[in-house]
Amino acid sequence: MESFLQQIKDELVSNTYRRMRVRKKEIPKDGGKVRILRFPRFVTVLVQGDLKLILEPIFEADSQSGSYGYHLNGPHMKR
């Protein structure tokens, strides 16, 4: 696991990381049609989650309370 994470880190730092293609699964529907489901790869989800953890606080700090859109602790989050 350590070498796996180190490889991803090295690819990100050296700007050689390329996301993997999504897996596709066709599900038959009525009338002979098919529905295509797409599944992202684990590495892609891992990298996107890590980037979210890094970037979200940066942009959230710059957003103004009166701005439209999503805010991490905005009024839409309160119940």
PDB file of N, CA and C in Angstrom:
ATOM      1  N   MET A   1       0.826  -1.189   0.000  1.00  0.00           N
ATOM      2  CA  MET A   1       0.000   0.000   0.000  1.00  0.00           C
ATOM      3  C   MET A   1       0.872   1.255   0.000  1.00  0.00           C
ATOM      4  N   GLU A   2       1.948   1.230   0.766  1.00  0.00           N
ATOM      5  CA  GLU A   2       2.853   2.390   0.815  1.00  0.00           C
ATOM      6  C   GLU A   2       3.436   2.694  -0.561  1.00  0.00           C
ATOM      7  N   SER A   3       3.865   1.656  -1.273  1.00  0.00           N
ATOM      8  CA  SER A   3       4.467   1.883  -2.597  1.00  0.00           C
ATOM      9  C   SER A   3       3.407   2.377  -3.585  1.00  0.00           C
ATOM     10  N   PHE A   4       2.179   1.890  -3.435  1.00  0.00           N
ATOM     11  CA  PHE A   4       1.074   2.328  -4.279  1.00  0.00           C
ATOM     12  C   PHE A   4       0.822   3.824  -4.098  1.00  0.00           C
ATOM     13  N   LEU A   5       0.738   4.266  -2.853  1.00  0.00           N
ATOM     14  CA  LEU A   5       0.508   5.680  -2.564  1.00  0.00           C
ATOM     15  C   LEU A   5       1.701   6.532  -2.988  1.00  0.00           C
ATOM     16  N   GLN A   6       2.903   6.011  -2.809  1.00  0.00           N
ATOM     17  CA  GLN A   6       4.100   6.742  -3.216  1.00  0.00           C
ATOM     18  C   GLN A   6       4.126   6.931  -4.734  1.00  0.00           C
ATOM     19  N   GLN A   7       3.699   5.901  -5.463  1.00  0.00           N
ATOM     20  CA  GLN A   7       3.662   5.998  -6.924  1.00  0.00           C
ATOM     21  C   GLN A   7       2.676   7.083  -7.367  1.00  0.00           C
ATOM     22  N   ILE A   8       1.509   7.118  -6.746  1.00  0.00           N
ATOM     23  CA  ILE A   8       0.521   8.149  -7.086  1.00  0.00           C
ATOM     24  C   ILE A   8       1.080   9.534  -6.766  1.00  0.00           C
ATOM     25  N   LYS A   9       1.710   9.663  -5.607  1.00  0.00           N
ATOM     26  CA  LYS A   9       2.301  10.947  -5.214  1.00  0.00           C
ATOM     27  C   LYS A   9       3.352  11.386  -6.225  1.00  0.00           C
ATOM     28  N   ASP A  10       4.229  10.468  -6.613  1.00  0.00           N
ATOM     29  CA  ASP A  10       5.281  10.792  -7.576  1.00  0.00           C
ATOM     30  C   ASP A  10       4.692  11.236  -8.915  1.00  0.00           C
ATOM     31  N   GLU A  11       3.630  10.563  -9.354  1.00  0.00           N
ATOM     32  CA  GLU A  11       2.992  10.930 -10.616  1.00  0.00           C
ATOM     33  C   GLU A  11       2.349  12.316 -10.521  1.00  0.00           C
ATOM     34  N   LEU A  12       1.736  12.617  -9.379  1.00  0.00           N
ATOM     35  CA  LEU A  12       1.121  13.931  -9.212  1.00  0.00           C
ATOM     36  C   LEU A  12       2.175  15.034  -9.170  1.00  0.00           C
ATOM     37  N   VAL A  13       3.257  14.802  -8.442  1.00  0.00           N
ATOM     38  CA  VAL A  13       4.317  15.802  -8.317  1.00  0.00           C
ATOM     39  C   VAL A  13       5.003  16.039  -9.661  1.00  0.00           C
ATOM     40  N   SER A  14       5.234  14.970 -10.415  1.00  0.00           N
ATOM     41  CA  SER A  14       5.936  15.103 -11.699  1.00  0.00           C
ATOM     42  C   SER A  14       4.998  15.454 -12.853  1.00  0.00           C
ATOM     43  N   ASN A  15       3.704  15.649 -12.537  1.00  0.00           N
ATOM     44  CA  ASN A  15       2.712  16.014 -13.534  1.00  0.00           C
ATOM     45  C   ASN A  15       2.560  14.955 -14.625  1.00  0.00           C
ATOM     46  N   THR A  16       2.722  13.690 -14.259  1.00  0.00           N
ATOM     47  CA  THR A  16       2.542  12.601 -15.214  1.00  0.00           C
ATOM     48  C   THR A  16       1.314  11.758 -14.900  1.00  0.00           C
ATOM     49  N   TYR A  17       0.561  12.125 -13.868  1.00  0.00           N
ATOM     50  CA  TYR A  17      -0.642  11.358 -13.501  1.00  0.00           C
ATOM     51  C   TYR A  17      -1.704  11.511 -14.581  1.00  0.00           C
ATOM     52  N   ARG A  18      -2.273  10.414 -14.986  1.00  0.00           N
ATOM     53  CA  ARG A  18      -3.398  10.401 -15.916  1.00  0.00           C
ATOM     54  C   ARG A  18      -4.465   9.506 -15.308  1.00  0.00           C
ATOM     55  N   ARG A  19      -5.676  10.025 -15.247  1.00  0.00           N
ATOM     56  CA  ARG A  19      -6.740   9.226 -14.653  1.00  0.00           C
ATOM     57  C   ARG A  19      -7.010   7.996 -15.502  1.00  0.00           C
ATOM     58  N   MET A  20      -7.431   6.945 -14.844  1.00  0.00           N
ATOM     59  CA  MET A  20      -7.742   5.706 -15.541  1.00  0.00           C
ATOM     60  C   MET A  20      -9.140   5.806 -16.148  1.00  0.00           C
ATOM     61  N   ARG A  21      -9.367   5.053 -17.184  1.00  0.00           N
ATOM     62  CA  ARG A  21     -10.685   5.047 -17.815  1.00  0.00           C
ATOM     63  C   ARG A  21     -11.695   4.414 -16.861  1.00  0.00           C
ATOM     64  N   VAL A  22     -12.919   4.870 -16.960  1.00  0.00           N
ATOM     65  CA  VAL A  22     -13.982   4.310 -16.131  1.00  0.00           C
ATOM     66  C   VAL A  22     -14.364   2.925 -16.651  1.00  0.00           C
ATOM     67  N   ARG A  23     -14.815   2.078 -15.736  1.00  0.00           N
ATOM     68  CA  ARG A  23     -15.339   0.779 -16.135  1.00  0.00           C
ATOM     69  C   ARG A  23     -16.789   0.973 -16.541  1.00  0.00           C
ATOM     70  N   LYS A  24     -17.214   0.279 -17.567  1.00  0.00           N
ATOM     71  CA  LYS A  24     -18.584   0.393 -18.043  1.00  0.00           C
ATOM     72  C   LYS A  24     -19.263  -0.967 -17.953  1.00  0.00           C
ATOM     73  N   LYS A  25     -20.523  -0.927 -17.569  1.00  0.00           N
ATOM     74  CA  LYS A  25     -21.336  -2.136 -17.495  1.00  0.00           C
ATOM     75  C   LYS A  25     -22.672  -1.836 -18.146  1.00  0.00           C
ATOM     76  N   GLU A  26     -23.074  -2.669 -19.089  1.00  0.00           N
ATOM     77  CA  GLU A  26     -24.348  -2.477 -19.758  1.00  0.00           C
ATOM     78  C   GLU A  26     -25.420  -3.304 -19.056  1.00  0.00           C
ATOM     79  N   ILE A  27     -26.525  -2.642 -18.714  1.00  0.00           N
ATOM     80  CA  ILE A  27     -27.650  -3.278 -18.049  1.00  0.00           C
ATOM     81  C   ILE A  27     -28.809  -3.315 -19.046  1.00  0.00           C
ATOM     82  N   PRO A  28     -29.331  -4.501 -19.355  1.00  0.00           N
ATOM     83  CA  PRO A  28     -30.449  -4.568 -20.301  1.00  0.00           C
ATOM     84  C   PRO A  28     -31.717  -3.923 -19.741  1.00  0.00           C
ATOM     85  N   LYS A  29     -32.448  -3.237 -20.627  1.00  0.00           N
ATOM     86  CA  LYS A  29     -33.718  -2.606 -20.270  1.00  0.00           C
ATOM     87  C   LYS A  29     -34.819  -3.214 -21.138  1.00  0.00           C
ATOM     88  N   ASP A  30     -36.044  -2.882 -20.797  1.00  0.00           N
ATOM     89  CA  ASP A  30     -37.168  -3.340 -21.603  1.00  0.00           C
ATOM     90  C   ASP A  30     -37.074  -2.775 -23.007  1.00  0.00           C
ATOM     91  N   GLY A  31     -37.565  -3.521 -23.959  1.00  0.00           N
ATOM     92  CA  GLY A  31     -37.578  -3.043 -25.340  1.00  0.00           C
ATOM     93  C   GLY A  31     -36.243  -3.224 -26.048  1.00  0.00           C
ATOM     94  N   GLY A  32     -35.328  -3.988 -25.471  1.00  0.00           N
ATOM     95  CA  GLY A  32     -34.051  -4.256 -26.118  1.00  0.00           C
ATOM     96  C   GLY A  32     -33.004  -3.168 -25.956  1.00  0.00           C
ATOM     97  N   LYS A  33     -33.331  -2.120 -25.221  1.00  0.00           N
ATOM     98  CA  LYS A  33     -32.348  -1.055 -24.987  1.00  0.00           C
ATOM     99  C   LYS A  33     -31.423  -1.448 -23.843  1.00  0.00           C
ATOM    100  N   VAL A  34     -30.339  -0.724 -23.707  1.00  0.00           N
ATOM    101  CA  VAL A  34     -29.405  -0.970 -22.603  1.00  0.00           C
ATOM    102  C   VAL A  34     -29.113   0.337 -21.888  1.00  0.00           C
ATOM    103  N   ARG A  35     -28.836   0.204 -20.620  1.00  0.00           N
ATOM    104  CA  ARG A  35     -28.412   1.350 -19.809  1.00  0.00           C
ATOM    105  C   ARG A  35     -26.951   1.130 -19.466  1.00  0.00           C
ATOM    106  N   ILE A  36     -26.136   2.148 -19.693  1.00  0.00           N
ATOM    107  CA  ILE A  36     -24.705   2.026 -19.429  1.00  0.00           C
ATOM    108  C   ILE A  36     -24.397   2.652 -18.075  1.00  0.00           C
ATOM    109  N   LEU A  37     -23.849   1.839 -17.181  1.00  0.00           N
ATOM    110  CA  LEU A  37     -23.394   2.338 -15.887  1.00  0.00           C
ATOM    111  C   LEU A  37     -21.893   2.544 -15.969  1.00  0.00           C
ATOM    112  N   ARG A  38     -21.412   3.633 -15.389  1.00  0.00           N
ATOM    113  CA  ARG A  38     -19.980   3.935 -15.404  1.00  0.00           C
ATOM    114  C   ARG A  38     -19.467   3.976 -13.972  1.00  0.00           C
ATOM    115  N   PHE A  39     -18.365   3.276 -13.731  1.00  0.00           N
ATOM    116  CA  PHE A  39     -17.778   3.192 -12.406  1.00  0.00           C
ATOM    117  C   PHE A  39     -16.371   3.787 -12.430  1.00  0.00           C
ATOM    118  N   PRO A  40     -16.130   4.850 -11.661  1.00  0.00           N
ATOM    119  CA  PRO A  40     -14.766   5.399 -11.624  1.00  0.00           C
ATOM    120  C   PRO A  40     -13.817   4.439 -10.907  1.00  0.00           C
ATOM    121  N   ARG A  41     -12.566   4.502 -11.255  1.00  0.00           N
ATOM    122  CA  ARG A  41     -11.556   3.648 -10.637  1.00  0.00           C
ATOM    123  C   ARG A  41     -11.196   4.179  -9.252  1.00  0.00           C
ATOM    124  N   PHE A  42     -10.721   3.297  -8.394  1.00  0.00           N
ATOM    125  CA  PHE A  42     -10.375   3.651  -7.022  1.00  0.00           C
ATOM    126  C   PHE A  42      -9.350   4.781  -6.980  1.00  0.00           C
ATOM    127  N   VAL A  43      -8.351   4.710  -7.829  1.00  0.00           N
ATOM    128  CA  VAL A  43      -7.286   5.724  -7.826  1.00  0.00           C
ATOM    129  C   VAL A  43      -7.860   7.096  -8.144  1.00  0.00           C
ATOM    130  N   THR A  44      -8.773   7.165  -9.109  1.00  0.00           N
ATOM    131  CA  THR A  44      -9.385   8.434  -9.477  1.00  0.00           C
ATOM    132  C   THR A  44     -10.168   9.022  -8.308  1.00  0.00           C
ATOM    133  N   VAL A  45     -10.947   8.184  -7.635  1.00  0.00           N
ATOM    134  CA  VAL A  45     -11.733   8.640  -6.488  1.00  0.00           C
ATOM    135  C   VAL A  45     -10.805   9.104  -5.363  1.00  0.00           C
ATOM    136  N   LEU A  46      -9.728   8.383  -5.143  1.00  0.00           N
ATOM    137  CA  LEU A  46      -8.753   8.734  -4.110  1.00  0.00           C
ATOM    138  C   LEU A  46      -8.125  10.101  -4.386  1.00  0.00           C
ATOM    139  N   VAL A  47      -7.672  10.324  -5.599  1.00  0.00           N
ATOM    140  CA  VAL A  47      -7.038  11.586  -5.971  1.00  0.00           C
ATOM    141  C   VAL A  47      -8.039  12.743  -5.884  1.00  0.00           C
ATOM    142  N   GLN A  48      -9.259  12.536  -6.372  1.00  0.00           N
ATOM    143  CA  GLN A  48     -10.267  13.594  -6.314  1.00  0.00           C
ATOM    144  C   GLN A  48     -10.610  13.945  -4.868  1.00  0.00           C
ATOM    145  N   GLY A  49     -10.712  12.939  -4.006  1.00  0.00           N
ATOM    146  CA  GLY A  49     -11.000  13.194  -2.594  1.00  0.00           C
ATOM    147  C   GLY A  49      -9.893  13.967  -1.911  1.00  0.00           C
ATOM    148  N   ASP A  50      -8.651  13.595  -2.214  1.00  0.00           N
ATOM    149  CA  ASP A  50      -7.515  14.308  -1.625  1.00  0.00           C
ATOM    150  C   ASP A  50      -7.454  15.757  -2.096  1.00  0.00           C
ATOM    151  N   LEU A  51      -7.697  15.971  -3.376  1.00  0.00           N
ATOM    152  CA  LEU A  51      -7.696  17.339  -3.902  1.00  0.00           C
ATOM    153  C   LEU A  51      -8.807  18.172  -3.281  1.00  0.00           C
ATOM    154  N   LYS A  52      -9.957  17.560  -3.047  1.00  0.00           N
ATOM    155  CA  LYS A  52     -11.058  18.265  -2.401  1.00  0.00           C
ATOM    156  C   LYS A  52     -10.665  18.703  -0.993  1.00  0.00           C
ATOM    157  N   LEU A  53      -9.990  17.828  -0.261  1.00  0.00           N
ATOM    158  CA  LEU A  53      -9.564  18.165   1.097  1.00  0.00           C
ATOM    159  C   LEU A  53      -8.572  19.321   1.107  1.00  0.00           C
ATOM    160  N   ILE A  54      -7.770  19.432   0.057  1.00  0.00           N
ATOM    161  CA  ILE A  54      -6.765  20.496  -0.022  1.00  0.00           C
ATOM    162  C   ILE A  54      -7.389  21.810  -0.502  1.00  0.00           C
ATOM    163  N   LEU A  55      -8.208  21.728  -1.553  1.00  0.00           N
ATOM    164  CA  LEU A  55      -8.708  22.941  -2.199  1.00  0.00           C
ATOM    165  C   LEU A  55      -9.922  23.564  -1.515  1.00  0.00           C
ATOM    166  N   GLU A  56     -10.774  22.742  -0.917  1.00  0.00           N
ATOM    167  CA  GLU A  56     -12.006  23.269  -0.326  1.00  0.00           C
ATOM    168  C   GLU A  56     -11.761  24.353   0.724  1.00  0.00           C
ATOM    169  N   PRO A  57     -10.848  24.158   1.686  1.00  0.00           N
ATOM    170  CA  PRO A  57     -10.619  25.218   2.669  1.00  0.00           C
ATOM    171  C   PRO A  57     -10.072  26.509   2.052  1.00  0.00           C
ATOM    172  N   ILE A  58      -9.309  26.380   0.996  1.00  0.00           N
ATOM    173  CA  ILE A  58      -8.731  27.557   0.339  1.00  0.00           C
ATOM    174  C   ILE A  58      -9.842  28.407  -0.282  1.00  0.00           C
ATOM    175  N   PHE A  59     -10.720  27.765  -1.048  1.00  0.00           N
ATOM    176  CA  PHE A  59     -11.781  28.508  -1.721  1.00  0.00           C
ATOM    177  C   PHE A  59     -12.878  28.916  -0.754  1.00  0.00           C
ATOM    178  N   GLU A  60     -13.133  28.112   0.254  1.00  0.00           N
ATOM    179  CA  GLU A  60     -14.157  28.457   1.239  1.00  0.00           C
ATOM    180  C   GLU A  60     -13.749  29.714   2.015  1.00  0.00           C
ATOM    181  N   ALA A  61     -12.457  29.870   2.290  1.00  0.00           N
ATOM    182  CA  ALA A  61     -11.973  31.043   3.017  1.00  0.00           C
ATOM    183  C   ALA A  61     -12.164  32.314   2.201  1.00  0.00           C
ATOM    184  N   ASP A  62     -12.097  32.198   0.870  1.00  0.00           N
ATOM    185  CA  ASP A  62     -12.252  33.367   0.002  1.00  0.00           C
ATOM    186  C   ASP A  62     -13.702  33.705  -0.314  1.00  0.00           C
ATOM    187  N   SER A  63     -14.616  32.778  -0.094  1.00  0.00           N
ATOM    188  CA  SER A  63     -16.010  33.041  -0.456  1.00  0.00           C
ATOM    189  C   SER A  63     -16.649  33.971   0.573  1.00  0.00           C
ATOM    190  N   GLN A  64     -17.551  34.780   0.092  1.00  0.00           N
ATOM    191  CA  GLN A  64     -18.226  35.736   0.960  1.00  0.00           C
ATOM    192  C   GLN A  64     -19.559  35.156   1.412  1.00  0.00           C
ATOM    193  N   SER A  65     -19.975  35.513   2.604  1.00  0.00           N
ATOM    194  CA  SER A  65     -21.192  34.938   3.160  1.00  0.00           C
ATOM    195  C   SER A  65     -22.430  35.274   2.337  1.00  0.00           C
ATOM    196  N   GLY A  66     -22.420  36.399   1.624  1.00  0.00           N
ATOM    197  CA  GLY A  66     -23.564  36.797   0.815  1.00  0.00           C
ATOM    198  C   GLY A  66     -23.562  36.221  -0.585  1.00  0.00           C
ATOM    199  N   SER A  67     -22.519  35.487  -0.945  1.00  0.00           N
ATOM    200  CA  SER A  67     -22.416  34.926  -2.289  1.00  0.00           C
ATOM    201  C   SER A  67     -23.401  33.778  -2.470  1.00  0.00           C
ATOM    202  N   TYR A  68     -23.893  33.652  -3.695  1.00  0.00           N
ATOM    203  CA  TYR A  68     -24.744  32.522  -4.017  1.00  0.00           C
ATOM    204  C   TYR A  68     -23.871  31.297  -4.218  1.00  0.00           C
ATOM    205  N   GLY A  69     -24.449  30.148  -4.028  1.00  0.00           N
ATOM    206  CA  GLY A  69     -23.723  28.912  -4.252  1.00  0.00           C
ATOM    207  C   GLY A  69     -23.509  28.146  -2.974  1.00  0.00           C
ATOM    208  N   TYR A  70     -22.764  27.096  -3.087  1.00  0.00           N
ATOM    209  CA  TYR A  70     -22.519  26.189  -1.970  1.00  0.00           C
ATOM    210  C   TYR A  70     -21.502  26.767  -0.999  1.00  0.00           C
ATOM    211  N   HIS A  71     -21.825  26.731   0.275  1.00  0.00           N
ATOM    212  CA  HIS A  71     -20.890  27.077   1.344  1.00  0.00           C
ATOM    213  C   HIS A  71     -20.856  25.914   2.325  1.00  0.00           C
ATOM    214  N   LEU A  72     -19.678  25.532   2.741  1.00  0.00           N
ATOM    215  CA  LEU A  72     -19.510  24.355   3.585  1.00  0.00           C
ATOM    216  C   LEU A  72     -20.401  24.409   4.815  1.00  0.00           C
ATOM    217  N   ASN A  73     -20.472  25.545   5.496  1.00  0.00           N
ATOM    218  CA  ASN A  73     -21.306  25.683   6.687  1.00  0.00           C
ATOM    219  C   ASN A  73     -22.425  26.681   6.459  1.00  0.00           C
ATOM    220  N   GLY A  74     -22.924  26.716   5.224  1.00  0.00           N
ATOM    221  CA  GLY A  74     -23.970  27.666   4.872  1.00  0.00           C
ATOM    222  C   GLY A  74     -25.316  27.307   5.452  1.00  0.00           C
ATOM    223  N   PRO A  75     -26.304  28.187   5.247  1.00  0.00           N
ATOM    224  CA  PRO A  75     -27.628  27.980   5.836  1.00  0.00           C
ATOM    225  C   PRO A  75     -28.318  26.705   5.346  1.00  0.00           C
ATOM    226  N   HIS A  76     -27.980  26.250   4.145  1.00  0.00           N
ATOM    227  CA  HIS A  76     -28.614  25.026   3.636  1.00  0.00           C
ATOM    228  C   HIS A  76     -28.151  23.778   4.398  1.00  0.00           C
ATOM    229  N   MET A  77     -27.055  23.907   5.152  1.00  0.00           N
ATOM    230  CA  MET A  77     -26.525  22.772   5.901  1.00  0.00           C
ATOM    231  C   MET A  77     -27.201  22.640   7.267  1.00  0.00           C
ATOM    232  N   LYS A  78     -27.895  23.683   7.708  1.00  0.00           N
ATOM    233  CA  LYS A  78     -28.517  23.667   9.033  1.00  0.00           C
ATOM    234  C   LYS A  78     -29.945  23.155   8.943  1.00  0.00           C
ATOM    235  N   ARG A  79     -30.345  22.405   9.925  1.00  0.00           N
ATOM    236  CA  ARG A  79     -31.722  21.887   9.939  1.00  0.00           C
ATOM    237  C   ARG A  79     -32.396  22.256  11.211  1.00  0.00           C
TER     238      ARG A  79
END
